[in-house]
Amino acid sequence: MVCKSTFVAGALLMLAAAASPASAVTVGPHSVAPAAADSPVQLVQFGYCRRVRFDCAARWGWNNPRFFFCVDRRGCR
């Protein structure tokens, strides 16, 4: 009897979790606002991407598929 109760309770919990509106699934793609051409954000991004390239090269070597995956994953290309 305890086993059946546990099974029913687990099934109800899974049903409630699946029907819950507060889930970790994103609704749609996140929008990225483009930076202006003369924005200081691009200057900071350049320094960041330069550091990312060196870090990815130290880890994976220059110009191989893992290097490009590492750089792309951090938002630089």
Protein backbone atom coordinates (compact mmCIF):
# COMPACT_ATOMS: atom_id res chain seq x y z
CA MET A 1 0.00 0.00 0.00
CA VAL A 2 2.85 2.39 0.81
CA CYS A 3 4.41 1.70 -2.58
CA LYS A 4 1.19 2.58 -4.40
CA SER A 5 0.83 5.79 -2.38
CA THR A 6 4.40 6.77 -3.16
CA PHE A 7 3.86 6.10 -6.84
CA VAL A 8 0.65 8.16 -6.95
CA ALA A 9 2.28 11.02 -5.02
CA GLY A 10 5.25 11.02 -7.40
CA ALA A 11 2.98 11.02 -10.44
CA LEU A 12 0.98 13.97 -9.05
CA LEU A 13 4.18 15.86 -8.28
CA MET A 14 5.47 15.34 -11.82
CA LEU A 15 2.14 16.44 -13.27
CA ALA A 16 2.14 19.58 -11.13
CA ALA A 17 5.74 20.38 -12.10
CA ALA A 18 4.98 19.94 -15.79
CA ALA A 19 1.90 22.17 -15.63
CA SER A 20 3.60 24.88 -13.55
CA PRO A 21 3.94 28.25 -15.33
CA ALA A 22 7.13 29.03 -13.40
CA SER A 23 9.51 26.84 -15.35
CA ALA A 24 13.14 27.35 -16.35
CA VAL A 25 12.30 27.11 -20.05
CA THR A 26 12.79 30.39 -21.91
CA VAL A 27 9.85 31.72 -23.87
CA GLY A 28 11.74 32.99 -26.87
CA PRO A 29 15.12 34.20 -28.07
CA HIS A 30 16.70 36.98 -26.09
CA SER A 31 17.12 40.21 -27.97
CA VAL A 32 20.55 41.78 -28.22
CA ALA A 33 20.55 45.53 -28.68
CA PRO A 34 23.14 46.62 -31.26
CA ALA A 35 25.74 49.08 -29.99
CA ALA A 36 26.26 52.38 -31.77
CA ALA A 37 29.35 52.79 -33.96
CA ASP A 38 30.92 55.36 -31.62
CA SER A 39 29.89 53.66 -28.41
CA PRO A 40 32.46 53.05 -25.64
CA VAL A 41 30.92 49.61 -25.28
CA GLN A 42 32.72 48.47 -28.42
CA LEU A 43 36.07 49.59 -27.01
CA VAL A 44 35.49 47.52 -23.89
CA GLN A 45 34.28 44.60 -26.00
CA PHE A 46 37.48 44.75 -28.06
CA GLY A 47 39.65 44.38 -24.97
CA TYR A 48 37.40 41.61 -23.68
CA CYS A 49 37.45 39.71 -26.96
CA ARG A 50 41.21 40.07 -27.22
CA ARG A 51 41.58 38.49 -23.79
CA VAL A 52 39.07 35.75 -24.70
CA ARG A 53 41.04 34.90 -27.86
CA PHE A 54 44.27 34.58 -25.88
CA ASP A 55 42.60 32.47 -23.20
CA CYS A 56 40.97 30.16 -25.76
CA ALA A 57 44.27 29.89 -27.67
CA ALA A 58 46.11 28.96 -24.48
CA ARG A 59 43.56 26.25 -23.80
CA TRP A 60 42.87 24.87 -27.29
CA GLY A 61 45.59 26.26 -29.60
CA TRP A 62 45.15 28.78 -32.39
CA ASN A 63 42.72 28.37 -35.32
CA ASN A 64 41.18 24.99 -34.70
CA PRO A 65 37.48 24.12 -34.30
CA ARG A 66 37.62 24.04 -30.47
CA PHE A 67 39.27 27.50 -30.46
CA PHE A 68 36.48 28.98 -32.60
CA PHE A 69 33.82 27.25 -30.48
CA CYS A 70 35.41 28.69 -27.34
CA VAL A 71 35.51 32.22 -28.80
CA ASP A 72 31.95 32.03 -30.16
CA ARG A 73 30.64 30.71 -26.86
CA ARG A 74 31.90 33.84 -25.11
CA GLY A 75 30.25 36.19 -27.61
CA CYS A 76 33.31 37.14 -29.67
CA ARG A 77 34.04 36.38 -33.30
